[in-house]
Amino acid sequence: TIMSDSEDSTVTYTTVSSPYVVRSGDVSPGEDGPPVMPEDPYAYVVAAFQALPAPDYVPGPEEPEQAPPSPFLSLI
């Protein structure tokens, strides 16, 4: 029987974060392992349109229709 001294044993847990967030139902693994397209690839478009303001919504002066271009979006 091999005895282990707890003072000599060290276990390190490392958390690895991923830039990809997989929500339930969005992506399922294929037969070979890599993700496959969801059955309804346009479901997120429908959800995005449902999140838009009502058609009769009129932005106030504090919310201009077109914001000035962001310097962070310019890649040139």
PDB file of N, CA and C in Angstrom:
ATOM      1  N   THR A   1       0.850  -1.190   0.000  1.00  0.00           N
ATOM      2  CA  THR A   1       0.000   0.000   0.000  1.00  0.00           C
ATOM      3  C   THR A   1       0.887   1.242   0.000  1.00  0.00           C
ATOM      4  N   ILE A   2       0.588   2.166  -0.928  1.00  0.00           N
ATOM      5  CA  ILE A   2       1.362   3.407  -1.017  1.00  0.00           C
ATOM      6  C   ILE A   2       0.599   4.490  -0.266  1.00  0.00           C
ATOM      7  N   MET A   3       1.256   5.103   0.696  1.00  0.00           N
ATOM      8  CA  MET A   3       0.634   6.161   1.472  1.00  0.00           C
ATOM      9  C   MET A   3       1.106   7.514   0.935  1.00  0.00           C
ATOM     10  N   SER A   4       0.208   8.463   0.934  1.00  0.00           N
ATOM     11  CA  SER A   4       0.562   9.794   0.455  1.00  0.00           C
ATOM     12  C   SER A   4       0.366  10.788   1.581  1.00  0.00           C
ATOM     13  N   ASP A   5       1.363  11.618   1.787  1.00  0.00           N
ATOM     14  CA  ASP A   5       1.280  12.636   2.817  1.00  0.00           C
ATOM     15  C   ASP A   5       0.591  13.854   2.205  1.00  0.00           C
ATOM     16  N   SER A   6      -0.472  14.340   2.825  1.00  0.00           N
ATOM     17  CA  SER A   6      -1.220  15.453   2.249  1.00  0.00           C
ATOM     18  C   SER A   6      -0.372  16.718   2.152  1.00  0.00           C
ATOM     19  N   GLU A   7       0.643  16.850   2.997  1.00  0.00           N
ATOM     20  CA  GLU A   7       1.490  18.037   2.938  1.00  0.00           C
ATOM     21  C   GLU A   7       2.385  18.015   1.701  1.00  0.00           C
ATOM     22  N   ASP A   8       2.678  16.826   1.180  1.00  0.00           N
ATOM     23  CA  ASP A   8       3.550  16.717   0.018  1.00  0.00           C
ATOM     24  C   ASP A   8       2.773  16.716  -1.296  1.00  0.00           C
ATOM     25  N   SER A   9       1.454  16.593  -1.216  1.00  0.00           N
ATOM     26  CA  SER A   9       0.642  16.527  -2.433  1.00  0.00           C
ATOM     27  C   SER A   9       0.038  17.892  -2.721  1.00  0.00           C
ATOM     28  N   THR A  10       0.129  18.287  -3.965  1.00  0.00           N
ATOM     29  CA  THR A  10      -0.448  19.560  -4.373  1.00  0.00           C
ATOM     30  C   THR A  10      -1.313  19.336  -5.603  1.00  0.00           C
ATOM     31  N   VAL A  11      -2.528  19.813  -5.532  1.00  0.00           N
ATOM     32  CA  VAL A  11      -3.433  19.734  -6.678  1.00  0.00           C
ATOM     33  C   VAL A  11      -3.758  21.159  -7.084  1.00  0.00           C
ATOM     34  N   THR A  12      -3.567  21.456  -8.352  1.00  0.00           N
ATOM     35  CA  THR A  12      -3.833  22.796  -8.848  1.00  0.00           C
ATOM     36  C   THR A  12      -4.982  22.745  -9.841  1.00  0.00           C
ATOM     37  N   TYR A  13      -5.973  23.579  -9.619  1.00  0.00           N
ATOM     38  CA  TYR A  13      -7.101  23.678 -10.537  1.00  0.00           C
ATOM     39  C   TYR A  13      -6.955  24.961 -11.336  1.00  0.00           C
ATOM     40  N   THR A  14      -7.071  24.849 -12.629  1.00  0.00           N
ATOM     41  CA  THR A  14      -6.945  26.016 -13.494  1.00  0.00           C
ATOM     42  C   THR A  14      -8.248  26.210 -14.259  1.00  0.00           C
ATOM     43  N   THR A  15      -8.782  27.412 -14.193  1.00  0.00           N
ATOM     44  CA  THR A  15      -9.997  27.721 -14.931  1.00  0.00           C
ATOM     45  C   THR A  15      -9.604  28.377 -16.241  1.00  0.00           C
ATOM     46  N   VAL A  16     -10.064  27.813 -17.331  1.00  0.00           N
ATOM     47  CA  VAL A  16      -9.768  28.363 -18.646  1.00  0.00           C
ATOM     48  C   VAL A  16     -11.049  28.958 -19.193  1.00  0.00           C
ATOM     49  N   SER A  17     -11.021  30.262 -19.453  1.00  0.00           N
ATOM     50  CA  SER A  17     -12.215  30.900 -19.994  1.00  0.00           C
ATOM     51  C   SER A  17     -12.154  30.874 -21.511  1.00  0.00           C
ATOM     52  N   SER A  18     -13.309  30.823 -22.113  1.00  0.00           N
ATOM     53  CA  SER A  18     -13.391  30.772 -23.565  1.00  0.00           C
ATOM     54  C   SER A  18     -14.140  31.993 -24.068  1.00  0.00           C
ATOM     55  N   PRO A  19     -13.709  32.571 -25.195  1.00  0.00           N
ATOM     56  CA  PRO A  19     -14.441  33.716 -25.748  1.00  0.00           C
ATOM     57  C   PRO A  19     -15.780  33.300 -26.346  1.00  0.00           C
ATOM     58  N   TYR A  20     -16.001  32.000 -26.475  1.00  0.00           N
ATOM     59  CA  TYR A  20     -17.242  31.519 -27.072  1.00  0.00           C
ATOM     60  C   TYR A  20     -18.212  31.110 -25.976  1.00  0.00           C
ATOM     61  N   VAL A  21     -19.408  31.662 -26.038  1.00  0.00           N
ATOM     62  CA  VAL A  21     -20.439  31.313 -25.074  1.00  0.00           C
ATOM     63  C   VAL A  21     -21.458  30.457 -25.802  1.00  0.00           C
ATOM     64  N   VAL A  22     -21.634  29.246 -25.333  1.00  0.00           N
ATOM     65  CA  VAL A  22     -22.579  28.341 -25.980  1.00  0.00           C
ATOM     66  C   VAL A  22     -23.827  28.261 -25.126  1.00  0.00           C
ATOM     67  N   ARG A  23     -24.936  28.741 -25.687  1.00  0.00           N
ATOM     68  CA  ARG A  23     -26.202  28.657 -24.979  1.00  0.00           C
ATOM     69  C   ARG A  23     -26.901  27.368 -25.377  1.00  0.00           C
ATOM     70  N   SER A  24     -27.704  26.877 -24.521  1.00  0.00           N
ATOM     71  CA  SER A  24     -28.405  25.620 -24.777  1.00  0.00           C
ATOM     72  C   SER A  24     -29.260  25.751 -26.028  1.00  0.00           C
ATOM     73  N   GLY A  25     -29.061  24.861 -26.973  1.00  0.00           N
ATOM     74  CA  GLY A  25     -29.862  24.859 -28.185  1.00  0.00           C
ATOM     75  C   GLY A  25     -29.237  25.620 -29.332  1.00  0.00           C
ATOM     76  N   ASP A  26     -28.215  26.430 -29.082  1.00  0.00           N
ATOM     77  CA  ASP A  26     -27.613  27.205 -30.169  1.00  0.00           C
ATOM     78  C   ASP A  26     -26.738  26.327 -31.059  1.00  0.00           C
ATOM     79  N   VAL A  27     -25.852  25.592 -30.459  1.00  0.00           N
ATOM     80  CA  VAL A  27     -24.914  24.778 -31.222  1.00  0.00           C
ATOM     81  C   VAL A  27     -24.847  23.401 -30.581  1.00  0.00           C
ATOM     82  N   SER A  28     -24.934  22.399 -31.401  1.00  0.00           N
ATOM     83  CA  SER A  28     -24.807  21.043 -30.877  1.00  0.00           C
ATOM     84  C   SER A  28     -23.659  20.362 -31.590  1.00  0.00           C
ATOM     85  N   PRO A  29     -22.929  19.495 -30.902  1.00  0.00           N
ATOM     86  CA  PRO A  29     -21.794  18.838 -31.550  1.00  0.00           C
ATOM     87  C   PRO A  29     -22.254  17.885 -32.641  1.00  0.00           C
ATOM     88  N   GLY A  30     -21.486  17.846 -33.719  1.00  0.00           N
ATOM     89  CA  GLY A  30     -21.794  16.932 -34.814  1.00  0.00           C
ATOM     90  C   GLY A  30     -21.315  15.533 -34.476  1.00  0.00           C
ATOM     91  N   GLU A  31     -21.459  14.625 -35.431  1.00  0.00           N
ATOM     92  CA  GLU A  31     -21.052  13.247 -35.176  1.00  0.00           C
ATOM     93  C   GLU A  31     -19.550  13.158 -34.925  1.00  0.00           C
ATOM     94  N   ASP A  32     -18.774  14.000 -35.589  1.00  0.00           N
ATOM     95  CA  ASP A  32     -17.320  13.953 -35.445  1.00  0.00           C
ATOM     96  C   ASP A  32     -16.820  14.857 -34.322  1.00  0.00           C
ATOM     97  N   GLY A  33     -17.710  15.604 -33.676  1.00  0.00           N
ATOM     98  CA  GLY A  33     -17.284  16.435 -32.564  1.00  0.00           C
ATOM     99  C   GLY A  33     -17.385  17.931 -32.799  1.00  0.00           C
ATOM    100  N   PRO A  34     -17.050  18.446 -34.004  1.00  0.00           N
ATOM    101  CA  PRO A  34     -17.111  19.901 -34.172  1.00  0.00           C
ATOM    102  C   PRO A  34     -18.554  20.390 -34.158  1.00  0.00           C
ATOM    103  N   PRO A  35     -18.773  21.640 -33.787  1.00  0.00           N
ATOM    104  CA  PRO A  35     -20.135  22.160 -33.738  1.00  0.00           C
ATOM    105  C   PRO A  35     -20.758  22.206 -35.129  1.00  0.00           C
ATOM    106  N   VAL A  36     -22.055  22.074 -35.171  1.00  0.00           N
ATOM    107  CA  VAL A  36     -22.782  22.170 -36.430  1.00  0.00           C
ATOM    108  C   VAL A  36     -23.749  23.335 -36.337  1.00  0.00           C
ATOM    109  N   MET A  37     -24.240  23.785 -37.477  1.00  0.00           N
ATOM    110  CA  MET A  37     -25.181  24.901 -37.487  1.00  0.00           C
ATOM    111  C   MET A  37     -26.464  24.495 -36.761  1.00  0.00           C
ATOM    112  N   PRO A  38     -27.095  25.443 -36.068  1.00  0.00           N
ATOM    113  CA  PRO A  38     -28.369  25.124 -35.431  1.00  0.00           C
ATOM    114  C   PRO A  38     -29.417  24.785 -36.489  1.00  0.00           C
ATOM    115  N   GLU A  39     -30.462  24.086 -36.087  1.00  0.00           N
ATOM    116  CA  GLU A  39     -31.490  23.694 -37.041  1.00  0.00           C
ATOM    117  C   GLU A  39     -32.143  24.914 -37.669  1.00  0.00           C
ATOM    118  N   ASP A  40     -32.326  25.971 -36.899  1.00  0.00           N
ATOM    119  CA  ASP A  40     -32.925  27.200 -37.425  1.00  0.00           C
ATOM    120  C   ASP A  40     -31.916  28.330 -37.268  1.00  0.00           C
ATOM    121  N   PRO A  41     -31.048  28.531 -38.278  1.00  0.00           N
ATOM    122  CA  PRO A  41     -30.002  29.563 -38.135  1.00  0.00           C
ATOM    123  C   PRO A  41     -30.550  30.977 -38.059  1.00  0.00           C
ATOM    124  N   TYR A  42     -31.825  31.181 -38.401  1.00  0.00           N
ATOM    125  CA  TYR A  42     -32.392  32.524 -38.381  1.00  0.00           C
ATOM    126  C   TYR A  42     -33.170  32.814 -37.107  1.00  0.00           C
ATOM    127  N   ALA A  43     -33.135  31.882 -36.160  1.00  0.00           N
ATOM    128  CA  ALA A  43     -33.865  32.095 -34.907  1.00  0.00           C
ATOM    129  C   ALA A  43     -33.326  33.316 -34.175  1.00  0.00           C
ATOM    130  N   TYR A  44     -32.010  33.541 -34.242  1.00  0.00           N
ATOM    131  CA  TYR A  44     -31.445  34.698 -33.541  1.00  0.00           C
ATOM    132  C   TYR A  44     -31.871  35.997 -34.201  1.00  0.00           C
ATOM    133  N   VAL A  45     -32.156  35.965 -35.509  1.00  0.00           N
ATOM    134  CA  VAL A  45     -32.620  37.175 -36.194  1.00  0.00           C
ATOM    135  C   VAL A  45     -34.009  37.535 -35.689  1.00  0.00           C
ATOM    136  N   VAL A  46     -34.863  36.530 -35.549  1.00  0.00           N
ATOM    137  CA  VAL A  46     -36.210  36.772 -35.045  1.00  0.00           C
ATOM    138  C   VAL A  46     -36.139  37.337 -33.637  1.00  0.00           C
ATOM    139  N   ALA A  47     -35.270  36.777 -32.809  1.00  0.00           N
ATOM    140  CA  ALA A  47     -35.129  37.265 -31.438  1.00  0.00           C
ATOM    141  C   ALA A  47     -34.607  38.697 -31.427  1.00  0.00           C
ATOM    142  N   ALA A  48     -33.709  39.025 -32.354  1.00  0.00           N
ATOM    143  CA  ALA A  48     -33.159  40.383 -32.410  1.00  0.00           C
ATOM    144  C   ALA A  48     -34.242  41.382 -32.793  1.00  0.00           C
ATOM    145  N   PHE A  49     -35.105  41.009 -33.744  1.00  0.00           N
ATOM    146  CA  PHE A  49     -36.172  41.920 -34.151  1.00  0.00           C
ATOM    147  C   PHE A  49     -37.196  42.099 -33.039  1.00  0.00           C
ATOM    148  N   GLN A  50     -37.399  41.080 -32.241  1.00  0.00           N
ATOM    149  CA  GLN A  50     -38.340  41.205 -31.135  1.00  0.00           C
ATOM    150  C   GLN A  50     -37.798  42.159 -30.080  1.00  0.00           C
ATOM    151  N   ALA A  51     -36.483  42.338 -30.035  1.00  0.00           N
ATOM    152  CA  ALA A  51     -35.882  43.213 -29.039  1.00  0.00           C
ATOM    153  C   ALA A  51     -35.860  44.672 -29.492  1.00  0.00           C
ATOM    154  N   LEU A  52     -36.217  44.936 -30.764  1.00  0.00           N
ATOM    155  CA  LEU A  52     -36.209  46.306 -31.271  1.00  0.00           C
ATOM    156  C   LEU A  52     -37.357  47.102 -30.657  1.00  0.00           C
ATOM    157  N   PRO A  53     -37.221  48.429 -30.590  1.00  0.00           N
ATOM    158  CA  PRO A  53     -38.309  49.254 -30.062  1.00  0.00           C
ATOM    159  C   PRO A  53     -39.522  49.204 -30.989  1.00  0.00           C
ATOM    160  N   ALA A  54     -40.656  49.655 -30.476  1.00  0.00           N
ATOM    161  CA  ALA A  54     -41.897  49.655 -31.255  1.00  0.00           C
ATOM    162  C   ALA A  54     -41.726  50.516 -32.512  1.00  0.00           C
ATOM    163  N   PRO A  55     -42.460  50.208 -33.590  1.00  0.00           N
ATOM    164  CA  PRO A  55     -42.325  50.975 -34.844  1.00  0.00           C
ATOM    165  C   PRO A  55     -42.665  52.446 -34.680  1.00  0.00           C
ATOM    166  N   ASP A  56     -43.550  52.784 -33.733  1.00  0.00           N
ATOM    167  CA  ASP A  56     -43.925  54.184 -33.545  1.00  0.00           C
ATOM    168  C   ASP A  56     -42.991  54.903 -32.578  1.00  0.00           C
ATOM    169  N   TYR A  57     -41.894  54.262 -32.233  1.00  0.00           N
ATOM    170  CA  TYR A  57     -40.927  54.870 -31.320  1.00  0.00           C
ATOM    171  C   TYR A  57     -40.189  55.993 -32.028  1.00  0.00           C
ATOM    172  N   VAL A  58     -40.146  57.167 -31.399  1.00  0.00           N
ATOM    173  CA  VAL A  58     -39.421  58.303 -31.967  1.00  0.00           C
ATOM    174  C   VAL A  58     -38.308  58.672 -30.992  1.00  0.00           C
ATOM    175  N   PRO A  59     -37.049  58.587 -31.437  1.00  0.00           N
ATOM    176  CA  PRO A  59     -35.955  58.933 -30.530  1.00  0.00           C
ATOM    177  C   PRO A  59     -35.994  60.405 -30.156  1.00  0.00           C
ATOM    178  N   GLY A  60     -35.710  60.682 -28.912  1.00  0.00           N
ATOM    179  CA  GLY A  60     -35.689  62.059 -28.446  1.00  0.00           C
ATOM    180  C   GLY A  60     -34.377  62.727 -28.818  1.00  0.00           C
ATOM    181  N   PRO A  61     -34.229  64.011 -28.493  1.00  0.00           N
ATOM    182  CA  PRO A  61     -32.995  64.731 -28.843  1.00  0.00           C
ATOM    183  C   PRO A  61     -31.762  64.129 -28.174  1.00  0.00           C
ATOM    184  N   GLU A  62     -31.946  63.456 -27.043  1.00  0.00           N
ATOM    185  CA  GLU A  62     -30.795  62.845 -26.376  1.00  0.00           C
ATOM    186  C   GLU A  62     -30.405  61.530 -27.023  1.00  0.00           C
ATOM    187  N   GLU A  63     -31.240  61.041 -27.975  1.00  0.00           N
ATOM    188  CA  GLU A  63     -30.932  59.802 -28.684  1.00  0.00           C
ATOM    189  C   GLU A  63     -30.984  60.055 -30.188  1.00  0.00           C
ATOM    190  N   PRO A  64     -29.925  60.617 -30.769  1.00  0.00           N
ATOM    191  CA  PRO A  64     -29.941  60.879 -32.210  1.00  0.00           C
ATOM    192  C   PRO A  64     -30.060  59.582 -32.999  1.00  0.00           C
ATOM    193  N   GLU A  65     -30.701  59.663 -34.182  1.00  0.00           N
ATOM    194  CA  GLU A  65     -30.891  58.459 -34.986  1.00  0.00           C
ATOM    195  C   GLU A  65     -29.552  57.884 -35.433  1.00  0.00           C
ATOM    196  N   GLN A  66     -28.624  58.774 -35.789  1.00  0.00           N
ATOM    197  CA  GLN A  66     -27.317  58.293 -36.229  1.00  0.00           C
ATOM    198  C   GLN A  66     -26.250  58.867 -35.309  1.00  0.00           C
ATOM    199  N   ALA A  67     -25.618  57.994 -34.557  1.00  0.00           N
ATOM    200  CA  ALA A  67     -24.571  58.433 -33.650  1.00  0.00           C
ATOM    201  C   ALA A  67     -23.295  58.694 -34.444  1.00  0.00           C
ATOM    202  N   PRO A  68     -22.422  59.547 -33.951  1.00  0.00           N
ATOM    203  CA  PRO A  68     -21.150  59.766 -34.648  1.00  0.00           C
ATOM    204  C   PRO A  68     -20.360  58.464 -34.714  1.00  0.00           C
ATOM    205  N   PRO A  69     -19.572  58.277 -35.759  1.00  0.00           N
ATOM    206  CA  PRO A  69     -18.818  57.024 -35.889  1.00  0.00           C
ATOM    207  C   PRO A  69     -17.866  56.823 -34.717  1.00  0.00           C
ATOM    208  N   SER A  70     -17.772  55.599 -34.276  1.00  0.00           N
ATOM    209  CA  SER A  70     -16.907  55.283 -33.150  1.00  0.00           C
ATOM    210  C   SER A  70     -15.480  55.082 -33.643  1.00  0.00           C
ATOM    211  N   PRO A  71     -14.496  55.666 -32.974  1.00  0.00           N
ATOM    212  CA  PRO A  71     -13.096  55.464 -33.405  1.00  0.00           C
ATOM    213  C   PRO A  71     -12.652  54.023 -33.225  1.00  0.00           C
ATOM    214  N   PHE A  72     -13.364  53.252 -32.396  1.00  0.00           N
ATOM    215  CA  PHE A  72     -12.978  51.865 -32.162  1.00  0.00           C
ATOM    216  C   PHE A  72     -13.416  50.958 -33.302  1.00  0.00           C
ATOM    217  N   LEU A  73     -14.371  51.410 -34.114  1.00  0.00           N
ATOM    218  CA  LEU A  73     -14.849  50.575 -35.208  1.00  0.00           C
ATOM    219  C   LEU A  73     -14.028  50.772 -36.474  1.00  0.00           C
ATOM    220  N   SER A  74     -13.228  51.824 -36.519  1.00  0.00           N
ATOM    221  CA  SER A  74     -12.434  52.095 -37.711  1.00  0.00           C
ATOM    222  C   SER A  74     -11.208  51.189 -37.737  1.00  0.00           C
ATOM    223  N   LEU A  75     -11.086  50.411 -38.810  1.00  0.00           N
ATOM    224  CA  LEU A  75      -9.942  49.505 -38.931  1.00  0.00           C
ATOM    225  C   LEU A  75      -8.903  50.045 -39.905  1.00  0.00           C
ATOM    226  N   ILE A  76      -9.185  51.186 -40.505  1.00  0.00           N
ATOM    227  CA  ILE A  76      -8.250  51.740 -41.498  1.00  0.00           C
ATOM    228  C   ILE A  76      -7.415  52.827 -40.838  1.00  0.00           C
TER     229      ILE A  76
END
